[in-house]
N, C-alpha and C. Protein backbone atom coordinates (compact mmCIF):
# COMPACT_ATOMS: atom_id res chain seq x y z
N MET A 1 -1.02 9.81 31.28
CA MET A 1 -1.91 8.89 30.16
C MET A 1 -0.43 8.56 29.67
N THR A 2 -0.64 7.46 28.95
CA THR A 2 0.40 6.59 28.20
C THR A 2 -0.21 5.94 26.87
N PHE A 3 0.20 5.83 25.32
CA PHE A 3 -0.36 5.14 24.56
C PHE A 3 0.46 4.97 23.95
N SER A 4 0.50 3.61 23.37
CA SER A 4 1.56 2.84 22.43
C SER A 4 0.94 1.97 21.67
N ILE A 5 1.39 1.47 20.53
CA ILE A 5 1.40 0.37 19.61
C ILE A 5 2.77 -0.23 19.31
N ARG A 6 2.61 -1.70 19.76
CA ARG A 6 3.56 -2.50 19.11
C ARG A 6 3.30 -3.64 18.09
N ILE A 7 4.27 -4.01 17.34
CA ILE A 7 3.94 -4.54 16.15
C ILE A 7 5.24 -5.80 16.15
N LYS A 8 4.46 -7.02 16.09
CA LYS A 8 5.15 -8.10 15.52
C LYS A 8 4.73 -8.79 14.46
N GLU A 9 5.70 -10.16 14.00
CA GLU A 9 5.19 -10.99 12.96
C GLU A 9 4.67 -11.65 13.11
N ASN A 10 4.70 -12.48 14.35
CA ASN A 10 3.93 -13.67 15.05
C ASN A 10 3.94 -13.53 16.18
N GLU A 11 2.47 -14.03 16.82
CA GLU A 11 2.06 -13.31 18.29
C GLU A 11 2.27 -14.58 18.58
N ARG A 12 2.51 -16.02 18.39
CA ARG A 12 3.01 -16.89 19.45
C ARG A 12 4.19 -17.22 19.74
N ASP A 13 5.19 -17.06 19.09
CA ASP A 13 6.42 -17.21 19.08
C ASP A 13 7.22 -16.07 20.18
N ALA A 14 8.11 -16.32 20.71
CA ALA A 14 8.76 -15.25 21.98
C ALA A 14 10.02 -14.30 21.06
N THR A 15 9.52 -14.26 19.43
CA THR A 15 10.18 -13.07 19.18
C THR A 15 9.98 -11.66 19.56
N PRO A 16 10.98 -10.89 19.71
CA PRO A 16 10.87 -9.58 20.28
C PRO A 16 9.49 -8.52 18.99
N TRP A 17 9.06 -7.49 19.84
CA TRP A 17 8.65 -6.29 19.18
C TRP A 17 9.65 -5.81 18.00
N ARG A 18 8.78 -5.87 16.63
CA ARG A 18 9.87 -5.71 15.75
C ARG A 18 9.27 -3.76 15.07
N PHE A 19 8.47 -3.45 16.05
CA PHE A 19 8.06 -2.16 16.07
C PHE A 19 7.52 -1.12 16.93
N GLU A 20 7.85 -0.23 17.54
CA GLU A 20 7.08 0.01 19.40
C GLU A 20 7.17 1.42 19.29
N LYS A 21 6.11 1.65 19.64
CA LYS A 21 5.76 3.44 19.29
C LYS A 21 5.40 3.97 20.72
N GLU A 22 5.73 4.85 21.51
CA GLU A 22 5.22 5.54 22.46
C GLU A 22 4.55 6.85 21.95
N PHE A 23 3.19 7.07 22.18
CA PHE A 23 2.71 8.62 21.77
C PHE A 23 2.46 9.45 22.82
N ALA A 24 2.83 10.68 22.49
CA ALA A 24 2.70 12.15 23.61
C ALA A 24 1.74 12.34 23.87
N THR A 25 0.68 11.96 22.64
CA THR A 25 -1.07 12.66 22.38
C THR A 25 -1.95 11.49 22.17
N GLU A 26 -2.86 11.71 22.83
CA GLU A 26 -4.30 10.79 22.59
C GLU A 26 -4.42 11.39 21.05
N ALA A 27 -4.08 12.07 20.84
CA ALA A 27 -4.60 12.54 19.22
C ALA A 27 -3.57 12.00 18.20
N ASP A 28 -2.51 11.75 18.42
CA ASP A 28 -1.24 11.46 17.61
C ASP A 28 -1.85 10.05 17.94
N PHE A 29 -1.78 9.42 18.64
CA PHE A 29 -2.32 7.69 19.08
C PHE A 29 -3.38 7.64 18.22
N GLN A 30 -4.50 8.37 18.25
CA GLN A 30 -5.56 8.28 17.29
C GLN A 30 -5.62 8.15 15.70
N ASN A 31 -4.69 9.28 15.32
CA ASN A 31 -4.34 9.29 14.05
C ASN A 31 -3.45 8.14 13.64
N VAL A 32 -3.07 7.52 14.18
CA VAL A 32 -2.29 6.24 13.57
C VAL A 32 -3.14 4.73 13.80
N GLU A 33 -4.28 4.84 14.87
CA GLU A 33 -4.74 3.95 15.36
C GLU A 33 -5.91 3.76 14.85
N ARG A 34 -6.30 5.13 13.81
CA ARG A 34 -7.74 4.72 12.78
C ARG A 34 -7.44 3.96 11.65
N HIS A 35 -6.20 3.77 11.24
CA HIS A 35 -5.81 3.16 9.78
C HIS A 35 -5.46 1.43 10.54
N CYS A 36 -5.55 1.01 12.02
CA CYS A 36 -5.50 -0.29 12.18
C CYS A 36 -6.58 -0.72 12.53
N ILE A 37 -7.57 -0.88 11.17
CA ILE A 37 -8.97 -1.75 11.44
C ILE A 37 -9.09 -2.30 9.92
N ASN A 38 -9.29 -3.16 10.60
CA ASN A 38 -9.36 -4.96 9.55
C ASN A 38 -10.80 -4.77 9.10
N ARG A 39 -10.79 -5.53 7.55
CA ARG A 39 -11.91 -5.40 6.90
C ARG A 39 -12.88 -6.18 7.56
N GLU A 40 -14.11 -6.14 7.18
CA GLU A 40 -14.87 -7.01 7.69
C GLU A 40 -14.91 -8.34 6.66
N ARG A 41 -15.19 -9.48 7.34
CA ARG A 41 -15.21 -10.87 6.41
C ARG A 41 -16.46 -11.11 6.36
N ILE A 42 -16.70 -12.12 5.16
CA ILE A 42 -17.94 -13.01 5.05
C ILE A 42 -17.76 -14.22 5.23
N PHE A 43 -18.95 -15.04 5.88
CA PHE A 43 -18.76 -16.26 5.73
C PHE A 43 -18.12 -16.82 4.17
N LEU A 44 -17.27 -17.91 4.16
CA LEU A 44 -16.94 -18.59 2.94
C LEU A 44 -16.59 -17.21 1.85
N GLU A 45 -15.90 -16.32 2.38
CA GLU A 45 -15.87 -15.48 1.27
C GLU A 45 -14.50 -16.25 0.33
N GLY A 46 -13.45 -16.86 0.89
CA GLY A 46 -12.37 -17.40 0.02
C GLY A 46 -12.86 -18.33 -1.25
N ASN A 47 -14.53 -18.98 -0.80
CA ASN A 47 -14.60 -19.34 -2.26
C ASN A 47 -15.22 -18.30 -3.09
N LEU A 48 -15.43 -17.81 -2.92
CA LEU A 48 -16.41 -16.56 -3.61
C LEU A 48 -15.87 -16.00 -4.64
N TYR A 49 -14.27 -15.35 -4.29
CA TYR A 49 -13.42 -14.42 -4.98
C TYR A 49 -12.23 -14.91 -4.22
N VAL A 50 -10.93 -14.53 -5.31
CA VAL A 50 -9.51 -14.84 -5.24
C VAL A 50 -9.42 -13.61 -4.42
N VAL A 51 -8.69 -14.29 -2.66
CA VAL A 51 -8.12 -13.27 -1.58
C VAL A 51 -6.91 -12.83 -2.07
N ARG A 52 -5.79 -13.95 -2.83
CA ARG A 52 -4.71 -13.10 -2.63
C ARG A 52 -4.13 -13.18 -4.04
N THR A 53 -3.64 -12.17 -4.70
CA THR A 53 -3.45 -12.09 -6.36
C THR A 53 -2.14 -11.11 -6.09
N ASP A 54 -1.30 -11.51 -4.73
CA ASP A 54 0.04 -10.69 -5.24
C ASP A 54 0.99 -11.60 -5.75
N THR A 55 0.97 -12.56 -5.90
CA THR A 55 2.10 -13.55 -6.54
C THR A 55 1.16 -14.76 -7.32
N ALA A 56 1.99 -15.39 -8.39
CA ALA A 56 1.12 -16.44 -9.03
C ALA A 56 1.01 -17.48 -8.19
N HIS A 57 1.93 -18.17 -7.54
CA HIS A 57 1.31 -19.35 -6.62
C HIS A 57 0.25 -19.12 -5.73
N ARG A 58 0.43 -17.61 -4.67
CA ARG A 58 -0.64 -17.70 -4.32
C ARG A 58 -2.20 -17.44 -4.71
N PHE A 59 -1.81 -16.77 -5.68
CA PHE A 59 -3.22 -17.29 -7.01
C PHE A 59 -3.94 -18.24 -6.91
N CYS A 60 -3.02 -19.23 -7.70
CA CYS A 60 -3.39 -20.10 -8.09
C CYS A 60 -3.45 -21.04 -6.86
N LYS A 61 -3.59 -21.31 -5.89
CA LYS A 61 -4.09 -21.46 -4.38
C LYS A 61 -5.41 -21.10 -4.27
N ASP A 62 -5.35 -19.91 -4.28
CA ASP A 62 -6.72 -19.06 -3.97
C ASP A 62 -7.49 -19.51 -5.24
N PHE A 63 -7.54 -19.34 -6.46
CA PHE A 63 -8.36 -19.70 -7.91
C PHE A 63 -8.69 -20.71 -7.60
N PHE A 64 -7.87 -21.94 -7.95
CA PHE A 64 -8.56 -23.54 -7.90
C PHE A 64 -8.87 -23.93 -7.12
N PHE A 65 -8.03 -24.26 -5.71
CA PHE A 65 -8.96 -25.51 -4.86
C PHE A 65 -8.49 -24.39 -3.30
N PRO A 66 -9.19 -23.35 -3.04
CA PRO A 66 -9.05 -22.85 -1.87
C PRO A 66 -9.28 -23.90 -0.48
N CYS A 67 -10.81 -24.78 -1.00
CA CYS A 67 -10.58 -25.59 0.41
C CYS A 67 -10.29 -26.26 0.38
N VAL A 68 -9.61 -26.80 -0.58
CA VAL A 68 -8.59 -28.30 -0.65
C VAL A 68 -7.61 -27.52 0.43
N GLU A 69 -6.64 -26.48 0.12
CA GLU A 69 -5.87 -26.33 1.01
C GLU A 69 -6.05 -26.90 2.35
N ARG A 70 -7.06 -26.11 2.89
CA ARG A 70 -7.39 -26.23 4.34
C ARG A 70 -7.87 -27.30 4.70
N ALA A 71 -8.45 -28.14 3.90
CA ALA A 71 -8.77 -29.80 4.19
C ALA A 71 -7.09 -30.72 4.22
N LEU A 72 -6.07 -30.14 3.80
CA LEU A 72 -5.11 -30.93 3.88
C LEU A 72 -4.65 -30.61 5.03
N LYS A 73 -4.66 -29.49 5.98
CA LYS A 73 -4.17 -29.24 7.14
C LYS A 73 -4.82 -29.73 8.06
N ILE A 74 -5.86 -31.00 7.94
CA ILE A 74 -6.55 -31.51 9.39
C ILE A 74 -5.28 -32.89 9.22
N GLN A 75 -5.26 -32.94 10.70
CA GLN A 75 -4.06 -34.00 11.33
C GLN A 75 -5.07 -35.98 11.08
N ASN A 76 -6.52 -35.82 11.47
CA ASN A 76 -6.67 -37.29 11.32
C ASN A 76 -7.02 -37.63 10.06
N TYR A 77 -6.27 -38.77 9.80
CA TYR A 77 -6.38 -39.24 7.86
C TYR A 77 -8.16 -39.56 7.55
N ILE A 78 -8.67 -40.18 8.16
CA ILE A 78 -10.17 -40.56 7.68
C ILE A 78 -10.69 -39.02 7.42
N GLU A 79 -11.04 -38.09 8.72
CA GLU A 79 -11.16 -36.65 8.32
C GLU A 79 -10.68 -36.20 7.42
N LYS A 80 -9.77 -36.46 7.55
CA LYS A 80 -8.84 -35.62 6.07
C LYS A 80 -9.38 -35.88 4.87
N VAL A 81 -9.59 -37.81 4.68
CA VAL A 81 -10.03 -37.99 3.29
C VAL A 81 -11.30 -37.46 2.62
N PHE A 82 -11.82 -37.44 3.86
CA PHE A 82 -13.58 -36.85 3.90
C PHE A 82 -13.79 -35.32 3.47
N ALA A 83 -13.01 -34.47 4.22
CA ALA A 83 -12.86 -33.38 4.20
C ALA A 83 -12.10 -32.94 2.57
N ILE A 84 -11.05 -33.52 2.16
CA ILE A 84 -10.49 -33.66 0.73
C ILE A 84 -11.63 -33.53 -0.50
N ILE A 85 -12.10 -35.25 -0.46
CA ILE A 85 -13.36 -34.92 -1.26
C ILE A 85 -14.53 -33.73 -1.41
N ALA A 86 -14.86 -33.29 -0.05
CA ALA A 86 -16.03 -32.49 -0.10
C ALA A 86 -15.12 -31.08 -0.31
N ALA A 87 -14.11 -31.08 0.02
CA ALA A 87 -13.60 -29.70 -0.53
C ALA A 87 -13.57 -29.56 -2.01
N VAL A 88 -12.98 -30.65 -2.92
CA VAL A 88 -12.86 -30.61 -4.34
C VAL A 88 -14.05 -30.33 -4.87
N ILE A 89 -15.30 -31.41 -4.61
CA ILE A 89 -16.91 -31.03 -5.04
C ILE A 89 -16.99 -29.46 -4.70
N PHE A 90 -16.77 -28.93 -3.55
CA PHE A 90 -17.43 -27.28 -3.30
C PHE A 90 -16.08 -26.69 -3.98
N ASP A 91 -14.88 -26.99 -4.38
CA ASP A 91 -14.23 -26.13 -5.25
C ASP A 91 -15.19 -25.85 -6.30
N LEU A 92 -15.13 -27.08 -6.84
CA LEU A 92 -15.38 -27.26 -8.18
C LEU A 92 -17.11 -26.38 -8.26
N LEU A 93 -18.00 -26.76 -7.49
CA LEU A 93 -19.02 -26.15 -7.27
C LEU A 93 -19.17 -24.56 -7.45
N THR A 94 -17.96 -23.75 -7.24
CA THR A 94 -17.77 -22.15 -6.75
C THR A 94 -16.72 -21.95 -7.45
N LEU A 95 -15.86 -22.62 -8.60
CA LEU A 95 -15.44 -22.23 -9.58
C LEU A 95 -15.50 -20.66 -10.31
N PRO A 96 -17.01 -20.98 -11.00
CA PRO A 96 -17.86 -20.17 -12.11
C PRO A 96 -17.71 -18.80 -10.84
N ILE A 97 -17.84 -18.86 -9.74
CA ILE A 97 -18.61 -17.74 -9.19
C ILE A 97 -17.03 -16.97 -8.99
N ARG A 98 -15.81 -17.65 -8.62
CA ARG A 98 -14.52 -17.12 -8.42
C ARG A 98 -13.95 -16.66 -10.05
N CYS A 99 -14.48 -16.91 -10.99
CA CYS A 99 -14.32 -16.77 -12.35
C CYS A 99 -15.25 -15.01 -12.62
N ILE A 100 -16.03 -14.99 -12.21
CA ILE A 100 -16.74 -14.03 -12.38
C ILE A 100 -16.16 -12.55 -11.44
N THR A 101 -16.18 -13.14 -10.27
CA THR A 101 -15.47 -12.04 -9.35
C THR A 101 -13.82 -11.68 -9.31
N LEU A 102 -13.13 -12.83 -10.78
CA LEU A 102 -11.63 -12.58 -10.66
C LEU A 102 -11.64 -11.11 -10.87
N LEU A 103 -12.01 -10.47 -12.14
CA LEU A 103 -11.18 -9.19 -12.83
C LEU A 103 -11.70 -7.91 -11.46
N PRO A 104 -12.90 -8.02 -10.74
CA PRO A 104 -13.31 -6.91 -10.11
C PRO A 104 -11.77 -7.05 -9.07
N ARG A 105 -11.95 -8.08 -8.55
CA ARG A 105 -10.89 -8.63 -7.35
C ARG A 105 -9.32 -7.96 -7.67
N LEU A 106 -9.13 -8.71 -9.11
CA LEU A 106 -7.73 -7.77 -9.64
C LEU A 106 -7.75 -6.28 -9.17
N ILE A 107 -8.55 -5.61 -9.68
CA ILE A 107 -8.81 -4.22 -9.49
C ILE A 107 -8.80 -3.53 -8.22
N ILE A 108 -9.41 -4.28 -7.19
CA ILE A 108 -9.79 -3.58 -6.10
C ILE A 108 -7.90 -3.91 -4.71
N ASN A 109 -7.34 -5.21 -5.29
CA ASN A 109 -6.56 -5.43 -4.87
C ASN A 109 -5.14 -4.24 -5.31
N TRP A 110 -5.06 -3.95 -6.63
CA TRP A 110 -4.36 -2.95 -7.26
C TRP A 110 -4.81 -1.61 -6.65
N VAL A 111 -5.70 -1.66 -6.61
CA VAL A 111 -6.13 -0.46 -5.98
C VAL A 111 -5.87 -0.08 -4.20
N ASN A 112 -6.28 -0.95 -3.55
CA ASN A 112 -6.01 -0.76 -2.44
C ASN A 112 -4.62 -1.77 -1.78
N ALA A 113 -3.74 -1.48 -2.80
CA ALA A 113 -2.27 -2.55 -2.43
C ALA A 113 -1.75 -1.91 -0.70
N ARG A 114 -0.85 -2.59 -0.38
CA ARG A 114 -0.40 -2.20 0.91
C ARG A 114 0.35 -0.90 1.14
N GLU A 115 1.28 -1.09 -0.10
CA GLU A 115 2.09 -0.04 0.05
C GLU A 115 1.64 1.47 -0.18
N LYS A 116 -0.04 1.59 -0.33
CA LYS A 116 -0.54 2.74 -0.89
C LYS A 116 -1.50 2.96 0.70
N HIS A 117 -1.22 1.94 1.44
CA HIS A 117 -2.07 2.29 2.71
C HIS A 117 -1.24 3.21 3.63
N PRO A 118 -1.84 3.56 4.12
CA PRO A 118 -1.67 4.69 5.37
C PRO A 118 -0.63 4.38 6.26
N LEU A 119 -0.87 3.06 6.97
CA LEU A 119 -0.27 2.44 8.30
C LEU A 119 1.03 1.99 7.41
N HIS A 120 0.84 1.43 5.84
CA HIS A 120 2.17 0.84 5.36
C HIS A 120 3.33 2.13 5.60
N LYS A 121 2.72 3.03 4.94
CA LYS A 121 3.26 4.21 4.72
C LYS A 121 3.82 4.84 6.27
N TYR A 122 3.32 4.69 7.01
CA TYR A 122 3.38 5.34 8.39
C TYR A 122 4.57 4.69 8.88
N LEU A 123 4.77 2.96 9.08
CA LEU A 123 5.34 2.24 9.11
C LEU A 123 7.14 2.44 8.54
N VAL A 124 7.08 2.53 7.19
CA VAL A 124 8.32 2.88 6.50
C VAL A 124 8.64 4.16 6.50
N GLU A 125 7.99 5.45 6.72
CA GLU A 125 8.15 6.59 7.20
C GLU A 125 9.16 6.57 8.75
N GLN A 126 8.96 5.49 9.77
CA GLN A 126 9.35 5.34 11.22
C GLN A 126 10.56 4.71 10.96
N ASN A 127 10.75 3.72 9.66
CA ASN A 127 12.03 3.12 9.90
C ASN A 127 11.11 1.55 10.35
N ALA A 128 10.59 1.06 10.35
CA ALA A 128 9.94 -0.34 10.84
C ALA A 128 10.87 -1.68 10.19
N ASP A 129 10.95 -2.35 10.60
CA ASP A 129 11.59 -3.87 10.31
C ASP A 129 11.02 -4.19 9.11
N PRO A 130 11.95 -4.14 8.36
CA PRO A 130 11.04 -5.09 6.94
C PRO A 130 10.80 -6.08 7.04
N ARG A 131 10.59 -6.83 7.97
CA ARG A 131 9.98 -8.20 8.13
C ARG A 131 8.54 -8.23 8.52
N ILE A 132 8.16 -7.11 9.32
CA ILE A 132 6.80 -6.60 9.33
C ILE A 132 5.97 -5.92 8.24
N LEU A 133 6.76 -5.32 7.55
CA LEU A 133 6.30 -4.81 6.05
C LEU A 133 6.36 -5.60 5.19
N ASN A 134 6.79 -6.85 5.26
CA ASN A 134 6.92 -7.66 4.08
C ASN A 134 5.41 -9.13 4.58
N CYS A 135 5.05 -8.88 5.86
CA CYS A 135 4.06 -9.80 6.31
C CYS A 135 2.68 -9.80 6.07
N ASP A 136 1.87 -10.88 5.87
CA ASP A 136 0.67 -10.58 5.05
C ASP A 136 -0.46 -10.45 6.58
N HIS A 137 0.66 -10.81 7.51
CA HIS A 137 -0.84 -10.28 9.11
C HIS A 137 0.28 -9.83 9.90
N VAL A 138 0.30 -9.10 10.40
CA VAL A 138 0.86 -8.34 11.36
C VAL A 138 0.06 -8.54 13.12
N TYR A 139 0.97 -8.83 14.17
CA TYR A 139 0.17 -8.72 15.24
C TYR A 139 0.90 -7.88 15.80
N MET A 140 -0.69 -6.80 16.29
CA MET A 140 -0.09 -5.52 17.07
C MET A 140 -1.06 -5.30 18.54
N ARG A 141 0.00 -4.86 19.53
CA ARG A 141 -0.44 -4.76 20.93
C ARG A 141 -0.95 -3.21 20.86
N LYS A 142 -2.21 -2.50 21.39
CA LYS A 142 -1.99 -1.58 21.66
C LYS A 142 -2.51 -1.41 23.49
N VAL A 143 -1.42 -0.21 24.00
CA VAL A 143 -1.62 -0.47 25.22
C VAL A 143 -2.38 0.89 25.47
N VAL A 144 -3.00 1.25 26.09
CA VAL A 144 -3.46 2.60 26.50
C VAL A 144 -3.78 2.79 28.07
N VAL A 145 -3.32 3.76 28.77
CA VAL A 145 -3.30 3.82 30.64
C VAL A 145 -3.61 5.78 30.44
N LYS A 146 -5.09 5.36 30.70
CA LYS A 146 -5.62 6.65 30.99
C LYS A 146 -6.55 6.55 32.21
N GLU A 147 -6.01 7.27 32.87
CA GLU A 147 -6.66 7.80 34.52
C GLU A 147 -6.52 6.37 34.95
N GLY A 148 -5.01 5.87 35.16
CA GLY A 148 -5.10 4.46 36.14
C GLY A 148 -5.60 3.29 35.84
N LYS A 149 -6.45 3.61 34.29
CA LYS A 149 -6.94 2.64 33.50
C LYS A 149 -6.02 1.29 32.59
N LEU A 150 -6.08 0.38 32.63
CA LEU A 150 -5.51 -0.03 31.71
C LEU A 150 -6.51 -0.63 30.44
N ASP A 151 -6.05 -0.72 29.13
CA ASP A 151 -7.19 -1.08 28.20
C ASP A 151 -5.49 -1.74 27.27
N MET A 152 -5.56 -2.93 27.49
CA MET A 152 -4.52 -3.71 26.09
C MET A 152 -5.40 -4.17 25.12
N ARG A 153 -5.13 -4.16 23.97
CA ARG A 153 -5.61 -4.97 23.23
C ARG A 153 -4.81 -5.67 22.34
N ILE A 154 -4.55 -7.23 21.58
CA ILE A 154 -3.78 -7.60 20.76
C ILE A 154 -4.85 -8.11 19.94
N GLU A 155 -4.55 -7.39 18.42
CA GLU A 155 -4.84 -7.77 17.26
C GLU A 155 -4.30 -8.17 16.09
N THR A 156 -4.91 -8.68 15.24
CA THR A 156 -4.39 -9.26 14.06
C THR A 156 -4.43 -8.19 13.21
N PHE A 157 -3.57 -8.05 12.30
CA PHE A 157 -4.00 -6.74 10.91
C PHE A 157 -3.57 -7.47 10.09
N ASN A 158 -4.76 -7.38 8.81
CA ASN A 158 -4.01 -8.27 8.08
C ASN A 158 -3.96 -6.99 6.41
N PHE A 159 -2.53 -7.38 6.20
CA PHE A 159 -2.15 -6.52 4.96
C PHE A 159 -2.60 -6.95 3.57
N ILE A 160 -3.42 -8.15 3.79
CA ILE A 160 -3.71 -8.93 2.05
C ILE A 160 -4.81 -8.21 2.11
N GLU A 161 -5.93 -8.11 2.68
CA GLU A 161 -7.08 -7.75 2.47
C GLU A 161 -7.63 -6.34 3.12
N LEU A 162 -6.85 -5.40 2.88
CA LEU A 162 -6.93 -3.67 3.31
C LEU A 162 -8.70 -3.60 3.39
N PRO A 163 -8.85 -2.56 4.32
CA PRO A 163 -10.13 -1.77 3.99
C PRO A 163 -10.12 -0.96 2.88
N SER A 164 -10.86 -0.37 2.52
CA SER A 164 -11.33 0.92 1.61
C SER A 164 -10.89 2.06 2.60
N TYR A 165 -10.21 3.13 2.23
CA TYR A 165 -9.88 3.88 3.13
C TYR A 165 -10.07 5.38 2.22
N GLU A 166 -10.55 6.42 3.28
CA GLU A 166 -10.33 7.69 2.77
C GLU A 166 -9.39 8.47 3.56
N TYR A 167 -8.88 9.31 2.93
CA TYR A 167 -7.47 10.56 3.25
C TYR A 167 -7.91 11.53 4.08
N GLN A 168 -7.94 12.19 5.32
CA GLN A 168 -8.81 12.88 6.05
C GLN A 168 -7.57 13.76 6.21
N ALA A 169 -7.82 15.14 6.21
CA ALA A 169 -6.80 16.50 6.26
C ALA A 169 -5.63 16.13 7.42
N THR A 170 -6.34 16.19 8.60
CA THR A 170 -5.18 15.80 9.90
C THR A 170 -4.54 14.48 9.77
N THR A 171 -5.00 13.43 9.09
CA THR A 171 -4.23 11.95 8.60
C THR A 171 -2.88 12.36 7.83
N THR A 172 -3.64 12.68 6.95
CA THR A 172 -2.37 13.45 5.84
C THR A 172 -1.16 13.54 6.14
N GLU A 173 -2.00 14.67 6.79
CA GLU A 173 -0.91 15.54 7.67
C GLU A 173 0.14 15.16 8.46
N TYR A 174 -0.18 14.58 9.27
CA TYR A 174 0.40 13.69 10.56
C TYR A 174 1.41 12.14 9.34
N LEU A 175 0.82 11.84 9.01
CA LEU A 175 1.65 10.90 8.07
C LEU A 175 2.28 11.51 7.00
N ASN A 176 2.42 12.59 6.94
CA ASN A 176 3.41 13.01 6.03
C ASN A 176 3.22 12.80 4.34
N ILE A 177 1.66 12.69 4.20
CA ILE A 177 1.46 11.47 3.00
C ILE A 177 0.77 12.67 2.17
N PRO A 178 1.09 13.00 0.77
CA PRO A 178 0.58 14.32 -0.23
C PRO A 178 -0.64 14.17 -0.56
N ALA A 179 -1.66 15.14 -0.38
CA ALA A 179 -2.79 15.47 -0.33
C ALA A 179 -3.13 14.72 -2.13
N ASP A 180 -2.27 14.67 -2.81
CA ASP A 180 -3.24 14.56 -3.99
C ASP A 180 -3.03 12.77 -4.30
N VAL A 181 -2.29 11.98 -3.30
CA VAL A 181 -2.81 10.45 -3.27
C VAL A 181 -4.03 10.23 -3.04
């Protein structure tokens, strides 16, 4: 049986894997894999609260006109004009909701900062490439060969919206995280 995780910053280009780890046992693999779970997303959540609060530039993009930014990416000019008009109206209608949810979101992002997350701490301990430690999203390939069967999954891990997590004794011991964190 073999277990491995590979991580890089962009799934589509030909960059090499920035972090590769082979695990000796399934338990070791599962201790790390349990922290590779993304938060469940809801429909239009970017319009309901500010997602990115780590820099002023990103905060302003997410707070003032989150739909307009997406509408600007449309290639067809006629569709882009109508999309921008609709996006401005929708963003103005949802601005009061983002104002109400701003303070709780700032607190959530501070409490669940990427530096506090066990996966991030594990990657730092393993001397992972700094490029993946500073990315918003990383692409992970999880490979499990068990009883001759290959299970390979490529997933995106979102470091911007980290799920809340609870430390468990086995996890803290494996990742060398102090129990008082």
